[in-house]
Amino acid sequence: MKQDKVLRHIGRRDALKKLGGAAIGLAGILQARQAPAQGKPVTLRYWTWQNSGDTKNPRAQAQAQILAAFRKANPNIELVEEVIPWQNLHQQLLQAAAANRAPDVSRQLDRFILTLAEAGVIQPLDDFTKGWNAPRKNDYLYSWDDTTVEGKKFAFRQAVRPLNILYYRTDLYSAAGFKTPPKTLKEWTDVSKAVTKGQVIGFAMTFSKSDGMSKPIQQFPSMYWSLGSDLVDAKTGKATFHLAAGQKIFQWIQDMVHVHKVSPIGEASMDSETLNQMFMAGTVACNLDHSSKWAEWSRKEAIQGKIDTAWTPNFSDEPKPVPVNTAGAWTVVMPKGSKKEEAWKLMEFLQSNEAELIDARVGGELPTRKSTLKDTFFQAPEAKRMVGWLNYMGENSHPATILKIKKLEVLTDAMADAAQQIIANKADVKAALATAAQKYDAAIS
């Protein structure tokens, strides 16, 4: 007879006598299940490019607070932060996985998710999300498919970022007689010419292979989209970056160096960090980057009140909004061999409302979840710029993405070669781009 039936037919005292040690044993089992696990904490390795000890970087400070909150909520997990240079994260993960030394959770740029998934280095997360209801699954400000490969979920964003943002030095623009940022390609060229004096140059774009041509691959999509084109054909996957739109963009870049003389010839091999330092120093009047840079740059004492943001001008020469690109931000993934349950706890926490609010308040990152936006912080004056970016993103989205481009690294490498020929050697734009397109098409065929 089952225990529940026994307890219905005899008194409590008699039941305890009859059950005797069995009842005590059952109670012991239940108590053991409810008690916290004893022994040494589970060690969880987390790869990130931000150093939580960096007190000068708002995003690093936010990360420190988020990880501290996770540790407090999970005393049975010993979280170990391992800092890897951002340019090397995906290559290091490929190597670490081959040596069975991959971390449990890793930050990765979204543009490498396809490569890592196809290499079998990261594992799908569908087992953890299969029980989610529709409201939970639809609580994201980005498309669920952004971080999927062949229908499987491989990553979650840690923030959403509009990438095509023009940062400009208000002090330099004002001194040249410009009170508002450029909205068209002509205005952008004119203001760049006006501010180029002495040690100051009007504009620069970087094309170094050392950082994967990080700025152009973030900025180019919006430029191409504003001209009704794209880097590759969505159906065939073949290169289209060399066609009329690409020729116009690269011709403008070449002319900024050799005709208008407002961009340095050294940008052909310059990396993004060098350009950022030049912008901070006031030797470059404008710089293209993503939204998360505002928190860091606007708080630097030397340039406080001297910079502002606008959207990248439209390459169609019309003062209309440019389609926004959000591909190029950080995600979190679970590498093969991870301690799955503990790794998922960290991944869940990183996208929790609590963590996202810390990231927004301290680090200036835009949240990934709609529910996070319900907090009163986003009604405060300090969040006005962030809310404006989010509204623009919602109103000027674009269906295309670079995240599904096959062998994206080959494409950026081919485009970097073309850019260096076009800028450094003043090569024919059409011919240089055509050669790069042939190289890419051959690699994917």
Protein backbone atom coordinates (compact mmCIF):
# COMPACT_ATOMS: atom_id res chain seq x y z
CA MET A 1 0.00 0.00 0.00
CA LYS A 2 1.33 3.42 -0.89
CA GLN A 3 2.36 5.77 1.87
CA ASP A 4 -0.40 8.37 1.14
CA LYS A 5 -3.09 5.65 1.51
CA VAL A 6 -1.54 4.41 4.74
CA LEU A 7 -1.62 7.87 6.26
CA ARG A 8 -5.32 8.23 5.40
CA HIS A 9 -6.36 5.05 7.25
CA ILE A 10 -4.29 5.16 10.46
CA GLY A 11 -3.37 7.84 12.93
CA ARG A 12 -0.19 9.86 12.72
CA ARG A 13 1.43 8.17 15.74
CA ASP A 14 0.63 4.67 14.49
CA ALA A 15 1.78 5.57 11.05
CA LEU A 16 5.15 6.65 12.35
CA LYS A 17 5.47 3.41 14.28
CA LYS A 18 4.55 1.31 11.24
CA LEU A 19 6.74 3.27 8.87
CA GLY A 20 9.56 3.44 11.38
CA GLY A 21 12.93 3.73 9.77
CA ALA A 22 11.38 3.96 6.29
CA ALA A 23 9.74 7.24 7.21
CA ILE A 24 12.95 8.55 8.70
CA GLY A 25 14.82 7.46 5.60
CA LEU A 26 12.34 9.22 3.33
CA ALA A 27 12.64 12.40 5.38
CA GLY A 28 16.39 12.17 5.09
CA ILE A 29 16.22 11.85 1.33
CA LEU A 30 13.90 14.85 1.03
CA GLN A 31 16.15 16.90 3.30
CA ALA A 32 19.20 15.96 1.25
CA ARG A 33 17.47 17.06 -1.96
CA GLN A 34 16.56 20.42 -0.47
CA ALA A 35 19.94 21.10 1.12
CA PRO A 36 22.59 22.97 -0.88
CA ALA A 37 25.38 20.95 -2.39
CA GLN A 38 28.34 20.49 -0.10
CA GLY A 39 32.01 20.43 -0.94
CA LYS A 40 34.17 22.54 -3.19
CA PRO A 41 32.50 25.12 -5.47
CA VAL A 42 32.27 24.40 -9.18
CA THR A 43 34.86 26.43 -11.09
CA LEU A 44 33.47 28.25 -14.10
CA ARG A 45 35.86 29.88 -16.61
CA TYR A 46 34.59 32.98 -18.41
CA TRP A 47 36.44 34.51 -21.35
CA THR A 48 35.98 38.21 -21.88
CA TRP A 49 37.92 41.04 -23.47
CA GLN A 50 36.98 43.47 -20.72
CA ASN A 51 39.17 43.55 -17.62
CA SER A 52 36.93 44.04 -14.59
CA GLY A 53 39.84 45.69 -12.80
CA ASP A 54 39.91 48.56 -15.32
CA THR A 55 38.38 51.41 -13.32
CA LYS A 56 38.66 53.88 -16.22
CA ASN A 57 36.40 51.99 -18.61
CA PRO A 58 32.64 52.23 -17.85
CA ARG A 59 31.88 48.96 -19.62
CA ALA A 60 34.55 47.17 -17.58
CA GLN A 61 33.13 48.67 -14.39
CA ALA A 62 29.68 47.42 -15.38
CA GLN A 63 31.07 43.95 -16.04
CA ALA A 64 32.72 43.94 -12.60
CA GLN A 65 29.42 44.75 -10.92
CA ILE A 66 27.50 42.18 -12.97
CA LEU A 67 29.96 39.38 -12.19
CA ALA A 68 29.98 40.36 -8.51
CA ALA A 69 26.17 40.11 -8.44
CA PHE A 70 26.34 36.69 -10.11
CA ARG A 71 28.88 35.43 -7.57
CA LYS A 72 26.69 36.64 -4.70
CA ALA A 73 23.66 34.87 -6.13
CA ASN A 74 25.65 31.66 -6.85
CA PRO A 75 28.02 31.00 -3.92
CA ASN A 76 28.51 27.40 -5.10
CA ILE A 77 30.13 28.63 -8.35
CA GLU A 78 33.67 29.95 -8.40
CA LEU A 79 33.67 32.26 -11.42
CA VAL A 80 37.09 32.85 -12.96
CA GLU A 81 37.44 35.77 -15.37
CA GLU A 82 40.05 35.27 -18.10
CA VAL A 83 40.85 38.31 -20.26
CA ILE A 84 41.66 37.77 -23.96
CA PRO A 85 42.38 40.63 -26.43
CA TRP A 86 39.17 41.30 -28.39
CA GLN A 87 40.91 40.86 -31.75
CA ASN A 88 41.98 37.32 -30.79
CA LEU A 89 38.93 35.91 -29.00
CA HIS A 90 37.51 33.74 -31.76
CA GLN A 91 40.89 32.40 -32.90
CA GLN A 92 41.88 31.64 -29.31
CA LEU A 93 38.63 29.78 -28.81
CA LEU A 94 39.22 27.67 -31.92
CA GLN A 95 42.69 26.78 -30.63
CA ALA A 96 41.57 26.17 -27.05
CA ALA A 97 38.74 23.88 -28.18
CA ALA A 98 41.18 21.84 -30.30
CA ALA A 99 43.31 21.36 -27.18
CA ASN A 100 40.28 20.60 -24.97
CA ARG A 101 40.98 23.76 -22.96
CA ALA A 102 38.00 25.87 -23.95
CA PRO A 103 36.31 28.02 -21.28
CA ASP A 104 32.78 27.33 -20.03
CA VAL A 105 31.36 30.60 -21.33
CA SER A 106 32.93 33.04 -23.77
CA ARG A 107 32.20 36.42 -25.23
CA GLN A 108 32.38 36.41 -29.01
CA LEU A 109 31.63 38.92 -31.74
CA ASP A 110 28.41 37.97 -33.49
CA ARG A 111 30.10 37.86 -36.88
CA PHE A 112 32.08 34.78 -35.80
CA ILE A 113 29.10 32.71 -34.57
CA LEU A 114 28.64 31.04 -37.96
CA THR A 115 32.35 30.12 -38.16
CA LEU A 116 32.46 28.76 -34.60
CA ALA A 117 29.23 26.78 -34.99
CA GLU A 118 30.30 25.20 -38.27
CA ALA A 119 33.63 24.26 -36.68
CA GLY A 120 31.80 22.50 -33.85
CA VAL A 121 33.48 24.70 -31.25
CA ILE A 122 30.29 26.02 -29.64
CA GLN A 123 27.13 24.11 -28.78
CA PRO A 124 23.47 24.93 -29.39
CA LEU A 125 21.38 26.23 -26.51
CA ASP A 126 17.98 24.91 -27.57
CA ASP A 127 17.79 22.41 -24.68
CA PHE A 128 17.76 25.38 -22.31
CA THR A 129 15.21 27.46 -24.23
CA LYS A 130 12.77 24.80 -25.45
CA GLY A 131 10.47 25.39 -22.47
CA TRP A 132 10.22 29.15 -23.00
CA ASN A 133 6.78 30.51 -23.75
CA ALA A 134 6.13 33.00 -26.55
CA PRO A 135 6.34 36.18 -24.38
CA ARG A 136 9.74 35.09 -23.01
CA LYS A 137 11.11 34.20 -26.41
CA ASN A 138 9.79 37.42 -27.95
CA ASP A 139 11.21 39.66 -25.22
CA TYR A 140 14.22 40.61 -27.34
CA LEU A 141 14.96 43.83 -29.21
CA TYR A 142 16.86 41.89 -31.85
CA SER A 143 15.76 39.10 -34.12
CA TRP A 144 15.92 35.64 -32.57
CA ASP A 145 17.46 34.37 -35.82
CA ASP A 146 20.39 36.81 -35.56
CA THR A 147 22.33 34.32 -33.48
CA THR A 148 21.09 31.05 -34.96
CA VAL A 149 22.76 28.69 -37.39
CA GLU A 150 20.57 26.29 -39.38
CA GLY A 151 17.70 26.96 -37.01
CA LYS A 152 19.65 26.26 -33.81
CA LYS A 153 20.32 28.93 -31.18
CA PHE A 154 24.04 29.33 -30.53
CA ALA A 155 24.39 32.68 -28.76
CA PHE A 156 22.69 35.53 -26.95
CA ARG A 157 23.61 39.16 -27.30
CA GLN A 158 24.97 41.05 -24.30
CA ALA A 159 23.78 44.35 -25.76
CA VAL A 160 22.27 45.74 -28.94
CA ARG A 161 24.30 48.34 -30.77
CA PRO A 162 23.62 50.61 -33.69
CA LEU A 163 26.96 50.71 -35.47
CA ASN A 164 26.65 53.48 -38.04
CA ILE A 165 27.15 56.40 -35.65
CA LEU A 166 29.18 59.47 -36.54
CA TYR A 167 31.15 60.81 -33.59
CA TYR A 168 32.34 64.35 -34.24
CA ARG A 169 34.38 66.97 -32.42
CA THR A 170 31.98 69.83 -31.77
CA ASP A 171 34.89 72.13 -30.93
CA LEU A 172 36.54 71.56 -34.34
CA TYR A 173 33.28 71.68 -36.30
CA SER A 174 32.20 74.89 -34.57
CA ALA A 175 35.57 76.56 -35.19
CA ALA A 176 35.14 75.80 -38.90
CA GLY A 177 31.66 77.36 -38.93
CA PHE A 178 29.55 74.18 -38.75
CA LYS A 179 26.97 74.09 -35.95
CA THR A 180 25.21 70.88 -37.03
CA PRO A 181 26.53 67.50 -38.21
CA PRO A 182 26.47 66.52 -41.92
CA LYS A 183 23.43 64.68 -43.28
CA THR A 184 24.54 64.10 -46.87
CA LEU A 185 27.73 62.92 -48.51
CA LYS A 186 28.38 66.41 -49.91
CA GLU A 187 27.98 68.03 -46.49
CA TRP A 188 30.30 65.42 -44.98
CA THR A 189 32.94 66.15 -47.60
CA ASP A 190 32.56 69.92 -47.15
CA VAL A 191 32.91 69.88 -43.37
CA SER A 192 35.88 67.49 -43.59
CA LYS A 193 37.63 69.92 -45.94
CA ALA A 194 36.85 72.89 -43.69
CA VAL A 195 38.28 71.37 -40.50
CA THR A 196 41.45 69.99 -42.12
CA LYS A 197 44.14 72.40 -40.95
CA GLY A 198 47.63 71.92 -39.59
CA GLN A 199 47.71 68.68 -37.58
CA VAL A 200 43.95 68.16 -37.86
CA ILE A 201 42.46 65.91 -40.55
CA GLY A 202 38.77 65.82 -41.37
CA PHE A 203 38.06 62.11 -41.61
CA ALA A 204 39.69 58.68 -41.59
CA MET A 205 38.59 55.08 -42.13
CA THR A 206 40.84 52.19 -41.10
CA PHE A 207 41.53 49.10 -43.22
CA SER A 208 44.02 47.07 -41.19
CA LYS A 209 43.80 43.30 -41.34
CA SER A 210 45.14 43.06 -37.79
CA ASP A 211 41.72 43.81 -36.34
CA GLY A 212 39.69 42.21 -39.11
CA MET A 213 38.99 45.56 -40.74
CA SER A 214 36.62 46.08 -37.81
CA LYS A 215 35.37 49.59 -38.57
CA PRO A 216 34.60 49.15 -42.28
CA ILE A 217 32.80 45.83 -41.80
CA GLN A 218 30.56 47.57 -39.27
CA GLN A 219 30.05 50.76 -41.27
CA PHE A 220 29.90 49.52 -44.86
CA PRO A 221 26.54 47.71 -44.67
CA SER A 222 24.60 50.92 -43.92
CA MET A 223 26.49 52.76 -46.67
CA TYR A 224 25.63 50.06 -49.20
CA TRP A 225 22.03 49.80 -47.98
CA SER A 226 21.53 53.55 -48.38
CA LEU A 227 22.37 53.01 -52.04
CA GLY A 228 20.02 50.04 -52.39
CA SER A 229 22.84 47.51 -52.53
CA ASP A 230 24.69 45.09 -50.24
CA LEU A 231 28.03 43.35 -49.76
CA VAL A 232 26.78 40.02 -51.12
CA ASP A 233 23.68 38.75 -52.90
CA ALA A 234 21.22 37.39 -50.32
CA LYS A 235 20.15 34.49 -52.56
CA THR A 236 23.35 33.36 -54.25
CA GLY A 237 25.90 34.48 -51.65
CA LYS A 238 28.06 35.88 -54.44
CA ALA A 239 29.89 39.19 -54.01
CA THR A 240 28.09 42.40 -54.91
CA PHE A 241 30.36 44.82 -53.03
CA HIS A 242 32.23 45.55 -56.27
CA LEU A 243 29.24 46.86 -58.20
CA ALA A 244 28.07 50.47 -58.67
CA ALA A 245 27.37 51.18 -54.98
CA GLY A 246 30.76 49.88 -53.89
CA GLN A 247 32.50 51.84 -56.61
CA LYS A 248 30.86 55.05 -55.39
CA ILE A 249 31.83 54.39 -51.76
CA PHE A 250 35.43 53.46 -52.50
CA GLN A 251 35.85 56.27 -55.00
CA TRP A 252 34.77 58.70 -52.28
CA ILE A 253 37.29 57.17 -49.87
CA GLN A 254 40.06 57.47 -52.46
CA ASP A 255 39.09 61.05 -53.28
CA MET A 256 39.12 62.01 -49.59
CA VAL A 257 42.81 61.02 -49.58
CA HIS A 258 44.09 62.07 -52.98
CA VAL A 259 41.72 64.79 -54.23
CA HIS A 260 40.36 66.57 -51.16
CA LYS A 261 43.37 65.63 -49.01
CA VAL A 262 41.33 65.38 -45.82
CA SER A 263 42.17 61.74 -45.01
CA PRO A 264 45.65 60.24 -44.41
CA ILE A 265 47.13 57.78 -46.87
CA GLY A 266 48.24 55.77 -43.84
CA GLU A 267 44.63 54.75 -43.16
CA ALA A 268 45.20 51.91 -45.64
CA SER A 269 47.02 49.97 -42.91
CA MET A 270 45.83 51.81 -39.78
CA ASP A 271 43.95 49.86 -37.07
CA SER A 272 40.87 51.04 -35.22
CA GLU A 273 42.57 51.66 -31.87
CA THR A 274 45.04 54.06 -33.48
CA LEU A 275 42.22 56.03 -35.08
CA ASN A 276 40.32 56.16 -31.79
CA GLN A 277 43.35 57.65 -30.06
CA MET A 278 43.70 60.26 -32.80
CA PHE A 279 40.06 61.23 -32.34
CA MET A 280 40.58 61.57 -28.59
CA ALA A 281 43.62 63.75 -29.20
CA GLY A 282 41.71 66.03 -31.58
CA THR A 283 43.80 65.28 -34.66
CA VAL A 284 40.82 63.64 -36.40
CA ALA A 285 37.58 65.63 -36.50
CA CYS A 286 35.15 62.73 -36.87
CA ASN A 287 35.12 59.00 -36.32
CA LEU A 288 32.66 56.21 -37.10
CA ASP A 289 31.85 53.75 -34.34
CA HIS A 290 29.10 52.03 -32.35
CA SER A 291 26.83 53.37 -29.63
CA SER A 292 28.72 51.82 -26.71
CA LYS A 293 31.69 54.10 -27.23
CA TRP A 294 29.69 57.10 -26.00
CA ALA A 295 29.84 56.08 -22.34
CA GLU A 296 33.62 55.84 -22.46
CA TRP A 297 34.47 58.78 -24.69
CA SER A 298 31.98 61.31 -23.32
CA ARG A 299 33.35 60.85 -19.80
CA LYS A 300 36.98 61.50 -20.65
CA GLU A 301 37.95 64.72 -18.91
CA ALA A 302 40.03 66.07 -21.79
CA ILE A 303 37.13 66.02 -24.27
CA GLN A 304 34.03 66.35 -22.10
CA GLY A 305 31.57 68.65 -23.85
CA LYS A 306 33.62 68.54 -27.06
CA ILE A 307 32.04 65.56 -28.82
CA ASP A 308 28.57 64.65 -30.02
CA THR A 309 26.91 61.97 -32.15
CA ALA A 310 24.85 61.81 -35.33
CA TRP A 311 23.98 59.11 -37.84
CA THR A 312 26.27 58.32 -40.74
CA PRO A 313 25.30 60.53 -43.71
CA ASN A 314 23.32 58.97 -46.53
CA PHE A 315 25.47 57.98 -49.51
CA SER A 316 22.56 58.57 -51.87
CA ASP A 317 23.08 62.33 -51.36
CA GLU A 318 19.63 62.60 -49.80
CA PRO A 319 19.19 63.87 -46.21
CA LYS A 320 17.03 60.90 -45.26
CA PRO A 321 17.69 58.39 -42.44
CA VAL A 322 20.23 55.69 -43.14
CA PRO A 323 19.27 52.04 -42.48
CA VAL A 324 20.80 51.01 -39.18
CA ASN A 325 23.25 48.12 -38.82
CA THR A 326 23.26 46.25 -35.51
CA ALA A 327 25.47 43.32 -36.56
CA GLY A 328 28.88 43.61 -34.95
CA ALA A 329 28.20 43.42 -31.24
CA TRP A 330 29.23 41.02 -28.49
CA THR A 331 27.42 37.80 -27.67
CA VAL A 332 27.95 35.02 -25.16
CA VAL A 333 28.39 31.39 -26.24
CA MET A 334 28.82 28.02 -24.56
CA PRO A 335 31.87 26.17 -25.93
CA LYS A 336 31.99 22.40 -26.28
CA GLY A 337 32.97 20.64 -23.07
CA SER A 338 31.44 23.29 -20.81
CA LYS A 339 29.92 22.57 -17.42
CA LYS A 340 26.52 23.02 -18.98
CA GLU A 341 24.24 23.74 -16.05
CA GLU A 342 26.57 26.24 -14.40
CA ALA A 343 27.47 27.82 -17.75
CA TRP A 344 23.79 28.36 -18.52
CA LYS A 345 23.26 30.01 -15.13
CA LEU A 346 25.88 32.61 -16.06
CA MET A 347 24.47 33.07 -19.56
CA GLU A 348 20.97 33.55 -18.14
CA PHE A 349 22.20 36.04 -15.59
CA LEU A 350 24.10 38.09 -18.19
CA GLN A 351 20.83 38.68 -20.04
CA SER A 352 18.72 39.21 -16.92
CA ASN A 353 16.98 42.54 -16.28
CA GLU A 354 19.27 43.05 -13.29
CA ALA A 355 22.45 42.64 -15.32
CA GLU A 356 21.15 44.70 -18.25
CA LEU A 357 20.26 47.60 -15.96
CA ILE A 358 23.78 47.62 -14.54
CA ASP A 359 25.16 47.56 -18.07
CA ALA A 360 22.92 50.48 -19.07
CA ARG A 361 23.45 52.65 -15.99
CA VAL A 362 27.17 52.09 -15.62
CA GLY A 363 28.41 50.94 -19.01
CA GLY A 364 26.10 52.80 -21.37
CA GLU A 365 25.10 49.61 -23.18
CA LEU A 366 21.67 49.28 -24.77
CA PRO A 367 19.63 46.38 -23.31
CA THR A 368 18.64 43.36 -25.36
CA ARG A 369 15.26 42.80 -23.70
CA LYS A 370 12.05 44.79 -23.97
CA SER A 371 11.23 44.08 -20.33
CA THR A 372 14.41 45.82 -19.20
CA LEU A 373 13.17 49.04 -20.81
CA LYS A 374 10.25 49.14 -18.38
CA ASP A 375 12.59 50.35 -15.65
CA THR A 376 12.24 54.04 -14.75
CA PHE A 377 15.91 54.61 -15.61
CA PHE A 378 14.94 54.81 -19.27
CA GLN A 379 12.67 57.75 -18.50
CA ALA A 380 15.51 59.71 -16.89
CA PRO A 381 17.42 62.50 -18.72
CA GLU A 382 20.67 60.50 -18.73
CA ALA A 383 18.98 57.82 -20.82
CA LYS A 384 17.60 60.20 -23.46
CA ARG A 385 20.35 59.52 -26.01
CA MET A 386 20.04 55.76 -25.50
CA VAL A 387 16.27 55.84 -25.98
CA GLY A 388 16.75 57.96 -29.11
CA TRP A 389 19.09 55.35 -30.56
CA LEU A 390 16.62 52.57 -29.76
CA ASN A 391 13.78 54.47 -31.41
CA TYR A 392 15.89 55.10 -34.53
CA MET A 393 16.77 51.42 -34.69
CA GLY A 394 13.12 50.47 -34.56
CA GLU A 395 12.16 52.95 -37.28
CA ASN A 396 15.09 52.34 -39.65
CA SER A 397 15.80 48.63 -39.51
CA HIS A 398 16.97 46.69 -42.55
CA PRO A 399 16.28 43.04 -43.43
CA ALA A 400 19.84 42.31 -44.57
CA THR A 401 22.64 41.25 -42.22
CA ILE A 402 26.30 40.32 -42.44
CA LEU A 403 25.83 37.54 -39.88
CA LYS A 404 24.88 34.89 -42.44
CA ILE A 405 27.67 35.69 -44.91
CA LYS A 406 29.75 32.59 -45.56
CA LYS A 407 33.47 32.94 -44.93
CA LEU A 408 33.12 36.52 -43.77
CA GLU A 409 36.82 36.61 -42.90
CA VAL A 410 37.69 35.88 -46.53
CA LEU A 411 35.42 38.72 -47.62
CA THR A 412 36.98 41.24 -45.22
CA ASP A 413 40.44 40.10 -46.24
CA ALA A 414 39.64 40.56 -49.94
CA MET A 415 38.09 43.98 -49.34
CA ALA A 416 41.08 45.04 -47.23
CA ASP A 417 43.43 44.13 -50.09
CA ALA A 418 41.33 46.20 -52.48
CA ALA A 419 41.20 49.15 -50.09
CA GLN A 420 44.95 49.16 -49.64
CA GLN A 421 45.48 49.18 -53.39
CA ILE A 422 42.87 51.90 -53.90
CA ILE A 423 44.23 54.13 -51.13
CA ALA A 424 47.97 53.49 -50.99
CA ASN A 425 48.57 52.89 -54.70
CA LYS A 426 45.70 54.98 -56.10
CA ALA A 427 44.56 51.92 -58.06
CA ASP A 428 41.55 51.96 -60.36
CA VAL A 429 38.58 51.48 -58.04
CA LYS A 430 36.46 49.35 -60.36
CA ALA A 431 39.31 46.99 -61.26
CA ALA A 432 40.55 46.59 -57.66
CA LEU A 433 37.07 45.76 -56.38
CA ALA A 434 36.44 43.33 -59.23
CA THR A 435 39.64 41.43 -58.34
CA ALA A 436 38.56 41.27 -54.69
CA ALA A 437 35.11 39.98 -55.67
CA GLN A 438 36.65 37.23 -57.80
CA LYS A 439 38.82 36.18 -54.87
CA TYR A 440 35.82 35.93 -52.56
CA ASP A 441 33.57 34.13 -55.06
CA ALA A 442 36.31 31.57 -55.73
CA ALA A 443 36.59 30.87 -52.00
CA ILE A 444 32.89 30.10 -51.52
CA SER A 445 32.27 28.18 -54.73
